[in-house]
């Protein structure tokens, strides 16, 4: 985002600099991405807040309609089910050099962050710890994680069919600031898509071609980061 705004910045990998993460925690933002200017810090999931922090103009991008976002998210989760099933059991504990997260945890995270969406709407809150939960021990292999994902897809479909039309204008308190349900749905969709891209990349490092992978057309209109990690 900063590059697109024409802002020069210093990127810091908090995995390699624990002191930086502690400083972010002290300033009230315990997780990345984050943008800091002196003692002022804004969570990276809040682009409008980032623009205000930097004193630059921010134009809200055109969002896909909720019905399209719901369909895209289901398509992404279906692809994630296929992909995680392909990971050999002995590779599930593999960690990429770019991120301190196993393939098992990445697969689970895709589905956990997605089911957090309807829960957040129902409870009017999205605490950070919902997205940092470790993979349950019962999800021992890719097939088990994929089955969990199937349940998540069912929950999302049920929520959408029961949600009133005005639900997408409601505001939810999230760990990175108040968000409309529509905005939270968009963020959930591209967040899952970004991790699916990472899962595809990890499969390829194992010499495995993803099963019926999604293409650029499936991600069109989603505000995905340029970087993979």
C-alpha atoms as a PDB file:
ATOM      1  CA  UNK A   1       0.000   0.000   0.000  1.00  0.00           C
ATOM      2  CA  UNK A   2       2.746   2.475   0.916  1.00  0.00           C
ATOM      3  CA  UNK A   3       4.420   2.069  -2.462  1.00  0.00           C
ATOM      4  CA  UNK A   4       1.144   2.786  -4.246  1.00  0.00           C
ATOM      5  CA  UNK A   5       0.829   5.984  -2.206  1.00  0.00           C
ATOM      6  CA  UNK A   6       4.312   7.079  -3.245  1.00  0.00           C
ATOM      7  CA  UNK A   7       5.590   6.924   0.334  1.00  0.00           C
ATOM      8  CA  UNK A   8       9.169   5.968   1.146  1.00  0.00           C
ATOM      9  CA  UNK A   9       9.424   3.563   4.054  1.00  0.00           C
ATOM     10  CA  UNK A  10      11.688   1.160   5.892  1.00  0.00           C
ATOM     11  CA  UNK A  11      10.366  -2.405   5.963  1.00  0.00           C
ATOM     12  CA  UNK A  12      11.124  -4.391   9.126  1.00  0.00           C
ATOM     13  CA  UNK A  13      10.758  -8.166   9.496  1.00  0.00           C
ATOM     14  CA  UNK A  14       9.556  -8.585  13.071  1.00  0.00           C
ATOM     15  CA  UNK A  15      10.450 -12.288  13.037  1.00  0.00           C
ATOM     16  CA  UNK A  16      14.075 -11.191  12.745  1.00  0.00           C
ATOM     17  CA  UNK A  17      13.621  -8.212  15.087  1.00  0.00           C
ATOM     18  CA  UNK A  18      11.670  -9.211  18.217  1.00  0.00           C
ATOM     19  CA  UNK A  19      12.398  -5.843  19.805  1.00  0.00           C
ATOM     20  CA  UNK A  20      10.414  -4.147  17.037  1.00  0.00           C
ATOM     21  CA  UNK A  21       7.410  -6.360  17.744  1.00  0.00           C
ATOM     22  CA  UNK A  22       7.660  -5.524  21.450  1.00  0.00           C
ATOM     23  CA  UNK A  23       7.688  -1.836  20.582  1.00  0.00           C
ATOM     24  CA  UNK A  24       4.558  -2.260  18.462  1.00  0.00           C
ATOM     25  CA  UNK A  25       2.895  -4.043  21.377  1.00  0.00           C
ATOM     26  CA  UNK A  26       3.828  -1.141  23.641  1.00  0.00           C
ATOM     27  CA  UNK A  27       2.202   1.251  21.189  1.00  0.00           C
ATOM     28  CA  UNK A  28      -0.999  -0.803  21.127  1.00  0.00           C
ATOM     29  CA  UNK A  29      -0.690  -2.783  17.876  1.00  0.00           C
ATOM     30  CA  UNK A  30       0.529  -6.280  18.781  1.00  0.00           C
ATOM     31  CA  UNK A  31       0.490  -7.743  15.274  1.00  0.00           C
ATOM     32  CA  UNK A  32       1.755  -6.919  11.823  1.00  0.00           C
ATOM     33  CA  UNK A  33       1.238  -5.495   9.296  1.00  0.00           C
ATOM     34  CA  UNK A  34       1.550  -2.098  10.917  1.00  0.00           C
ATOM     35  CA  UNK A  35       2.774   1.359   9.967  1.00  0.00           C
ATOM     36  CA  UNK A  36       4.580   3.473  12.554  1.00  0.00           C
ATOM     37  CA  UNK A  37       5.588   7.117  12.495  1.00  0.00           C
ATOM     38  CA  UNK A  38       7.405   7.928  15.707  1.00  0.00           C
ATOM     39  CA  UNK A  39       5.148   6.861  18.566  1.00  0.00           C
ATOM     40  CA  UNK A  40       2.061   6.769  16.355  1.00  0.00           C
ATOM     41  CA  UNK A  41       1.100   3.451  14.832  1.00  0.00           C
ATOM     42  CA  UNK A  42      -1.822   2.157  12.780  1.00  0.00           C
ATOM     43  CA  UNK A  43      -2.686  -1.406  11.880  1.00  0.00           C
ATOM     44  CA  UNK A  44      -2.021  -2.210   8.228  1.00  0.00           C
ATOM     45  CA  UNK A  45      -5.519  -3.665   7.806  1.00  0.00           C
ATOM     46  CA  UNK A  46      -6.839  -0.114   8.194  1.00  0.00           C
ATOM     47  CA  UNK A  47      -5.761   1.636   4.960  1.00  0.00           C
ATOM     48  CA  UNK A  48      -7.794   4.767   5.647  1.00  0.00           C
ATOM     49  CA  UNK A  49      -6.125   5.091   9.043  1.00  0.00           C
ATOM     50  CA  UNK A  50      -2.714   4.575   7.449  1.00  0.00           C
ATOM     51  CA  UNK A  51      -3.390   7.363   4.956  1.00  0.00           C
ATOM     52  CA  UNK A  52      -4.479   9.692   7.758  1.00  0.00           C
ATOM     53  CA  UNK A  53      -1.340   8.838   9.731  1.00  0.00           C
ATOM     54  CA  UNK A  54       0.837   9.692   6.740  1.00  0.00           C
ATOM     55  CA  UNK A  55      -1.130  12.779   5.757  1.00  0.00           C
ATOM     56  CA  UNK A  56      -1.922  11.567   2.246  1.00  0.00           C
ATOM     57  CA  UNK A  57      -5.195  11.348   0.354  1.00  0.00           C
ATOM     58  CA  UNK A  58      -7.012   8.033   0.344  1.00  0.00           C
ATOM     59  CA  UNK A  59      -9.671   7.058  -2.155  1.00  0.00           C
ATOM     60  CA  UNK A  60     -11.860   4.159  -1.087  1.00  0.00           C
ATOM     61  CA  UNK A  61     -11.543   1.517  -3.827  1.00  0.00           C
ATOM     62  CA  UNK A  62     -14.608   0.139  -5.558  1.00  0.00           C
ATOM     63  CA  UNK A  63     -15.657  -3.061  -3.807  1.00  0.00           C
ATOM     64  CA  UNK A  64     -17.165  -6.150  -5.317  1.00  0.00           C
ATOM     65  CA  UNK A  65     -20.805  -6.567  -4.344  1.00  0.00           C
ATOM     66  CA  UNK A  66     -21.493  -8.756  -1.283  1.00  0.00           C
ATOM     67  CA  UNK A  67     -23.074 -11.526  -3.363  1.00  0.00           C
ATOM     68  CA  UNK A  68     -19.929 -11.684  -5.502  1.00  0.00           C
ATOM     69  CA  UNK A  69     -17.637 -11.642  -2.463  1.00  0.00           C
ATOM     70  CA  UNK A  70     -19.559 -14.513  -0.864  1.00  0.00           C
ATOM     71  CA  UNK A  71     -19.251 -16.545  -4.062  1.00  0.00           C
ATOM     72  CA  UNK A  72     -15.541 -15.741  -4.387  1.00  0.00           C
ATOM     73  CA  UNK A  73     -14.856 -16.695  -0.775  1.00  0.00           C
ATOM     74  CA  UNK A  74     -16.596 -20.046  -1.231  1.00  0.00           C
ATOM     75  CA  UNK A  75     -14.595 -20.652  -4.409  1.00  0.00           C
ATOM     76  CA  UNK A  76     -11.357 -19.801  -2.594  1.00  0.00           C
ATOM     77  CA  UNK A  77     -12.174 -22.114   0.301  1.00  0.00           C
ATOM     78  CA  UNK A  78     -13.025 -24.942  -2.082  1.00  0.00           C
ATOM     79  CA  UNK A  79      -9.639 -24.475  -3.729  1.00  0.00           C
ATOM     80  CA  UNK A  80      -7.968 -24.436  -0.305  1.00  0.00           C
ATOM     81  CA  UNK A  81      -9.633 -27.752   0.524  1.00  0.00           C
ATOM     82  CA  UNK A  82      -8.224 -29.296  -2.638  1.00  0.00           C
ATOM     83  CA  UNK A  83      -4.767 -27.851  -1.985  1.00  0.00           C
ATOM     84  CA  UNK A  84      -4.399 -28.888   1.655  1.00  0.00           C
ATOM     85  CA  UNK A  85      -5.495 -32.438   0.755  1.00  0.00           C
ATOM     86  CA  UNK A  86      -2.479 -32.624  -1.558  1.00  0.00           C
ATOM     87  CA  UNK A  87       0.084 -31.935   1.176  1.00  0.00           C
ATOM     88  CA  UNK A  88       1.845 -35.150   2.263  1.00  0.00           C
ATOM     89  CA  UNK A  89       1.557 -35.806   5.998  1.00  0.00           C
ATOM     90  CA  UNK A  90       5.326 -35.567   6.441  1.00  0.00           C
ATOM     91  CA  UNK A  91       5.311 -32.065   4.917  1.00  0.00           C
ATOM     92  CA  UNK A  92       2.616 -30.541   7.118  1.00  0.00           C
ATOM     93  CA  UNK A  93       5.129 -29.297   9.689  1.00  0.00           C
ATOM     94  CA  UNK A  94       7.269 -27.592   7.036  1.00  0.00           C
ATOM     95  CA  UNK A  95       7.863 -23.875   7.585  1.00  0.00           C
ATOM     96  CA  UNK A  96       8.726 -21.557   4.697  1.00  0.00           C
ATOM     97  CA  UNK A  97      11.723 -19.266   5.241  1.00  0.00           C
ATOM     98  CA  UNK A  98       9.472 -16.231   4.844  1.00  0.00           C
ATOM     99  CA  UNK A  99       7.112 -16.970   7.734  1.00  0.00           C
ATOM    100  CA  UNK A 100       7.207 -18.755  11.083  1.00  0.00           C
ATOM    101  CA  UNK A 101       4.087 -20.805  10.344  1.00  0.00           C
ATOM    102  CA  UNK A 102       3.760 -24.464   9.390  1.00  0.00           C
ATOM    103  CA  UNK A 103       1.849 -25.623   6.335  1.00  0.00           C
ATOM    104  CA  UNK A 104      -0.649 -27.273   8.702  1.00  0.00           C
ATOM    105  CA  UNK A 105      -1.253 -23.981  10.508  1.00  0.00           C
ATOM    106  CA  UNK A 106      -1.519 -22.079   7.227  1.00  0.00           C
ATOM    107  CA  UNK A 107      -4.196 -24.453   5.947  1.00  0.00           C
ATOM    108  CA  UNK A 108      -6.169 -24.250   9.182  1.00  0.00           C
ATOM    109  CA  UNK A 109      -5.778 -20.464   9.318  1.00  0.00           C
ATOM    110  CA  UNK A 110      -7.442 -20.015   5.926  1.00  0.00           C
ATOM    111  CA  UNK A 111     -10.612 -21.640   7.224  1.00  0.00           C
ATOM    112  CA  UNK A 112     -10.429 -20.182  10.743  1.00  0.00           C
ATOM    113  CA  UNK A 113     -10.190 -16.598   9.521  1.00  0.00           C
ATOM    114  CA  UNK A 114     -13.141 -17.250   7.217  1.00  0.00           C
ATOM    115  CA  UNK A 115     -15.470 -18.646   9.866  1.00  0.00           C
ATOM    116  CA  UNK A 116     -14.497 -15.708  12.080  1.00  0.00           C
ATOM    117  CA  UNK A 117     -16.484 -13.478   9.710  1.00  0.00           C
ATOM    118  CA  UNK A 118     -20.031 -14.666  10.554  1.00  0.00           C
ATOM    119  CA  UNK A 119     -19.073 -15.027  14.217  1.00  0.00           C
ATOM    120  CA  UNK A 120     -17.837 -11.430  14.263  1.00  0.00           C
ATOM    121  CA  UNK A 121     -21.085 -10.190  12.747  1.00  0.00           C
ATOM    122  CA  UNK A 122     -23.175 -12.158  15.230  1.00  0.00           C
ATOM    123  CA  UNK A 123     -21.156 -11.017  18.258  1.00  0.00           C
ATOM    124  CA  UNK A 124     -20.233  -7.517  17.012  1.00  0.00           C
ATOM    125  CA  UNK A 125     -16.558  -8.118  17.723  1.00  0.00           C
ATOM    126  CA  UNK A 126     -13.499  -9.570  16.057  1.00  0.00           C
ATOM    127  CA  UNK A 127     -10.767 -10.128  18.646  1.00  0.00           C
ATOM    128  CA  UNK A 128      -7.286 -10.763  17.385  1.00  0.00           C
ATOM    129  CA  UNK A 129      -6.911 -14.091  19.170  1.00  0.00           C
ATOM    130  CA  UNK A 130      -9.599 -15.639  16.953  1.00  0.00           C
ATOM    131  CA  UNK A 131      -7.104 -15.490  14.100  1.00  0.00           C
ATOM    132  CA  UNK A 132      -4.102 -16.770  16.033  1.00  0.00           C
ATOM    133  CA  UNK A 133      -5.550 -20.003  17.394  1.00  0.00           C
ATOM    134  CA  UNK A 134      -3.293 -23.033  16.878  1.00  0.00           C
ATOM    135  CA  UNK A 135      -4.529 -25.905  14.754  1.00  0.00           C
ATOM    136  CA  UNK A 136      -6.515 -28.356  16.919  1.00  0.00           C
ATOM    137  CA  UNK A 137      -4.729 -31.661  17.452  1.00  0.00           C
ATOM    138  CA  UNK A 138      -7.713 -33.498  16.009  1.00  0.00           C
ATOM    139  CA  UNK A 139      -6.865 -32.076  12.570  1.00  0.00           C
ATOM    140  CA  UNK A 140      -4.020 -34.514  12.035  1.00  0.00           C
ATOM    141  CA  UNK A 141      -3.732 -34.450   8.260  1.00  0.00           C
ATOM    142  CA  UNK A 142      -4.734 -32.520   5.183  1.00  0.00           C
ATOM    143  CA  UNK A 143      -7.937 -34.496   4.769  1.00  0.00           C
ATOM    144  CA  UNK A 144      -9.063 -33.589   8.297  1.00  0.00           C
ATOM    145  CA  UNK A 145      -8.300 -29.904   7.719  1.00  0.00           C
ATOM    146  CA  UNK A 146     -10.221 -30.036   4.435  1.00  0.00           C
ATOM    147  CA  UNK A 147     -13.231 -31.567   6.202  1.00  0.00           C
ATOM    148  CA  UNK A 148     -13.098 -28.745   8.726  1.00  0.00           C
ATOM    149  CA  UNK A 149     -13.051 -26.364   5.781  1.00  0.00           C
ATOM    150  CA  UNK A 150     -16.188 -27.987   4.416  1.00  0.00           C
ATOM    151  CA  UNK A 151     -17.966 -27.196   7.660  1.00  0.00           C
ATOM    152  CA  UNK A 152     -16.801 -23.591   7.448  1.00  0.00           C
ATOM    153  CA  UNK A 153     -18.196 -23.281   3.930  1.00  0.00           C
ATOM    154  CA  UNK A 154     -21.551 -24.588   5.146  1.00  0.00           C
ATOM    155  CA  UNK A 155     -21.608 -22.067   8.009  1.00  0.00           C
ATOM    156  CA  UNK A 156     -20.861 -19.200   5.645  1.00  0.00           C
ATOM    157  CA  UNK A 157     -23.622 -20.230   3.239  1.00  0.00           C
ATOM    158  CA  UNK A 158     -26.110 -20.546   6.091  1.00  0.00           C
ATOM    159  CA  UNK A 159     -25.191 -17.114   7.421  1.00  0.00           C
ATOM    160  CA  UNK A 160     -25.548 -15.476   4.015  1.00  0.00           C
ATOM    161  CA  UNK A 161     -28.945 -17.008   3.311  1.00  0.00           C
ATOM    162  CA  UNK A 162     -30.255 -15.842   6.691  1.00  0.00           C
ATOM    163  CA  UNK A 163     -28.654 -12.366   6.787  1.00  0.00           C
ATOM    164  CA  UNK A 164     -30.967  -9.395   6.149  1.00  0.00           C
ATOM    165  CA  UNK A 165     -30.086  -7.108   3.239  1.00  0.00           C
ATOM    166  CA  UNK A 166     -29.080  -4.283   5.585  1.00  0.00           C
ATOM    167  CA  UNK A 167     -26.574  -6.504   7.408  1.00  0.00           C
ATOM    168  CA  UNK A 168     -23.739  -5.403   5.127  1.00  0.00           C
ATOM    169  CA  UNK A 169     -24.118  -1.814   6.370  1.00  0.00           C
ATOM    170  CA  UNK A 170     -23.734  -2.789  10.020  1.00  0.00           C
ATOM    171  CA  UNK A 171     -20.502  -1.857  11.779  1.00  0.00           C
ATOM    172  CA  UNK A 172     -18.411  -4.419  13.665  1.00  0.00           C
ATOM    173  CA  UNK A 173     -15.732  -3.667  16.262  1.00  0.00           C
ATOM    174  CA  UNK A 174     -12.557  -5.397  15.098  1.00  0.00           C
ATOM    175  CA  UNK A 175      -9.066  -5.495  16.574  1.00  0.00           C
ATOM    176  CA  UNK A 176      -7.939  -3.035  13.887  1.00  0.00           C
ATOM    177  CA  UNK A 177     -10.863  -0.609  14.199  1.00  0.00           C
ATOM    178  CA  UNK A 178     -14.586  -0.377  13.346  1.00  0.00           C
ATOM    179  CA  UNK A 179     -15.467  -1.953   9.986  1.00  0.00           C
ATOM    180  CA  UNK A 180     -18.678  -2.345   8.027  1.00  0.00           C
ATOM    181  CA  UNK A 181     -19.787  -5.921   7.471  1.00  0.00           C
ATOM    182  CA  UNK A 182     -19.251  -5.362   3.742  1.00  0.00           C
ATOM    183  CA  UNK A 183     -15.697  -4.186   4.363  1.00  0.00           C
ATOM    184  CA  UNK A 184     -15.030  -7.088   6.713  1.00  0.00           C
ATOM    185  CA  UNK A 185     -16.350  -9.548   4.138  1.00  0.00           C
ATOM    186  CA  UNK A 186     -14.043  -8.087   1.499  1.00  0.00           C
ATOM    187  CA  UNK A 187     -11.085  -8.260   3.843  1.00  0.00           C
ATOM    188  CA  UNK A 188     -11.924 -11.870   4.782  1.00  0.00           C
ATOM    189  CA  UNK A 189     -12.127 -12.817   1.112  1.00  0.00           C
ATOM    190  CA  UNK A 190      -8.821 -11.343   0.014  1.00  0.00           C
ATOM    191  CA  UNK A 191      -7.118 -12.475   3.228  1.00  0.00           C
ATOM    192  CA  UNK A 192      -8.106 -16.068   2.433  1.00  0.00           C
ATOM    193  CA  UNK A 193      -7.062 -15.571  -1.196  1.00  0.00           C
ATOM    194  CA  UNK A 194      -3.621 -14.321  -0.183  1.00  0.00           C
ATOM    195  CA  UNK A 195      -3.017 -17.381   1.983  1.00  0.00           C
ATOM    196  CA  UNK A 196      -4.272 -19.645  -0.799  1.00  0.00           C
ATOM    197  CA  UNK A 197      -1.623 -18.118  -3.073  1.00  0.00           C
ATOM    198  CA  UNK A 198       0.977 -18.930  -0.416  1.00  0.00           C
ATOM    199  CA  UNK A 199      -0.293 -22.495  -0.121  1.00  0.00           C
ATOM    200  CA  UNK A 200       0.008 -22.898  -3.887  1.00  0.00           C
ATOM    201  CA  UNK A 201       3.599 -21.645  -3.729  1.00  0.00           C
ATOM    202  CA  UNK A 202       4.436 -24.131  -0.977  1.00  0.00           C
ATOM    203  CA  UNK A 203       2.943 -27.006  -2.952  1.00  0.00           C
ATOM    204  CA  UNK A 204       5.128 -26.070  -5.885  1.00  0.00           C
ATOM    205  CA  UNK A 205       8.252 -26.134  -3.686  1.00  0.00           C
ATOM    206  CA  UNK A 206       7.277 -29.726  -2.859  1.00  0.00           C
ATOM    207  CA  UNK A 207       7.059 -30.552  -6.553  1.00  0.00           C
ATOM    208  CA  UNK A 208       3.262 -30.802  -6.419  1.00  0.00           C
ATOM    209  CA  UNK A 209       1.006 -29.140  -8.983  1.00  0.00           C
ATOM    210  CA  UNK A 210      -2.103 -27.665  -7.312  1.00  0.00           C
ATOM    211  CA  UNK A 211      -5.335 -29.469  -8.138  1.00  0.00           C
ATOM    212  CA  UNK A 212      -7.531 -27.250 -10.337  1.00  0.00           C
ATOM    213  CA  UNK A 213      -5.905 -24.036  -9.096  1.00  0.00           C
ATOM    214  CA  UNK A 214      -7.660 -20.707  -9.220  1.00  0.00           C
ATOM    215  CA  UNK A 215      -6.414 -18.172 -11.741  1.00  0.00           C
ATOM    216  CA  UNK A 216      -6.079 -14.421 -11.933  1.00  0.00           C
ATOM    217  CA  UNK A 217      -9.709 -14.119 -13.011  1.00  0.00           C
ATOM    218  CA  UNK A 218     -10.804 -15.625  -9.690  1.00  0.00           C
ATOM    219  CA  UNK A 219      -8.907 -12.915  -7.802  1.00  0.00           C
ATOM    220  CA  UNK A 220      -9.933 -10.027 -10.067  1.00  0.00           C
ATOM    221  CA  UNK A 221     -11.312  -7.078  -8.101  1.00  0.00           C
ATOM    222  CA  UNK A 222      -9.815  -8.163  -4.768  1.00  0.00           C
ATOM    223  CA  UNK A 223      -7.270  -5.755  -3.209  1.00  0.00           C
ATOM    224  CA  UNK A 224      -4.527  -8.364  -2.903  1.00  0.00           C
ATOM    225  CA  UNK A 225      -1.015  -7.304  -1.867  1.00  0.00           C
ATOM    226  CA  UNK A 226       1.597  -7.380  -4.616  1.00  0.00           C
ATOM    227  CA  UNK A 227       3.992  -9.368  -2.426  1.00  0.00           C
ATOM    228  CA  UNK A 228       3.287 -13.041  -1.750  1.00  0.00           C
ATOM    229  CA  UNK A 229       4.604 -12.983   1.829  1.00  0.00           C
END
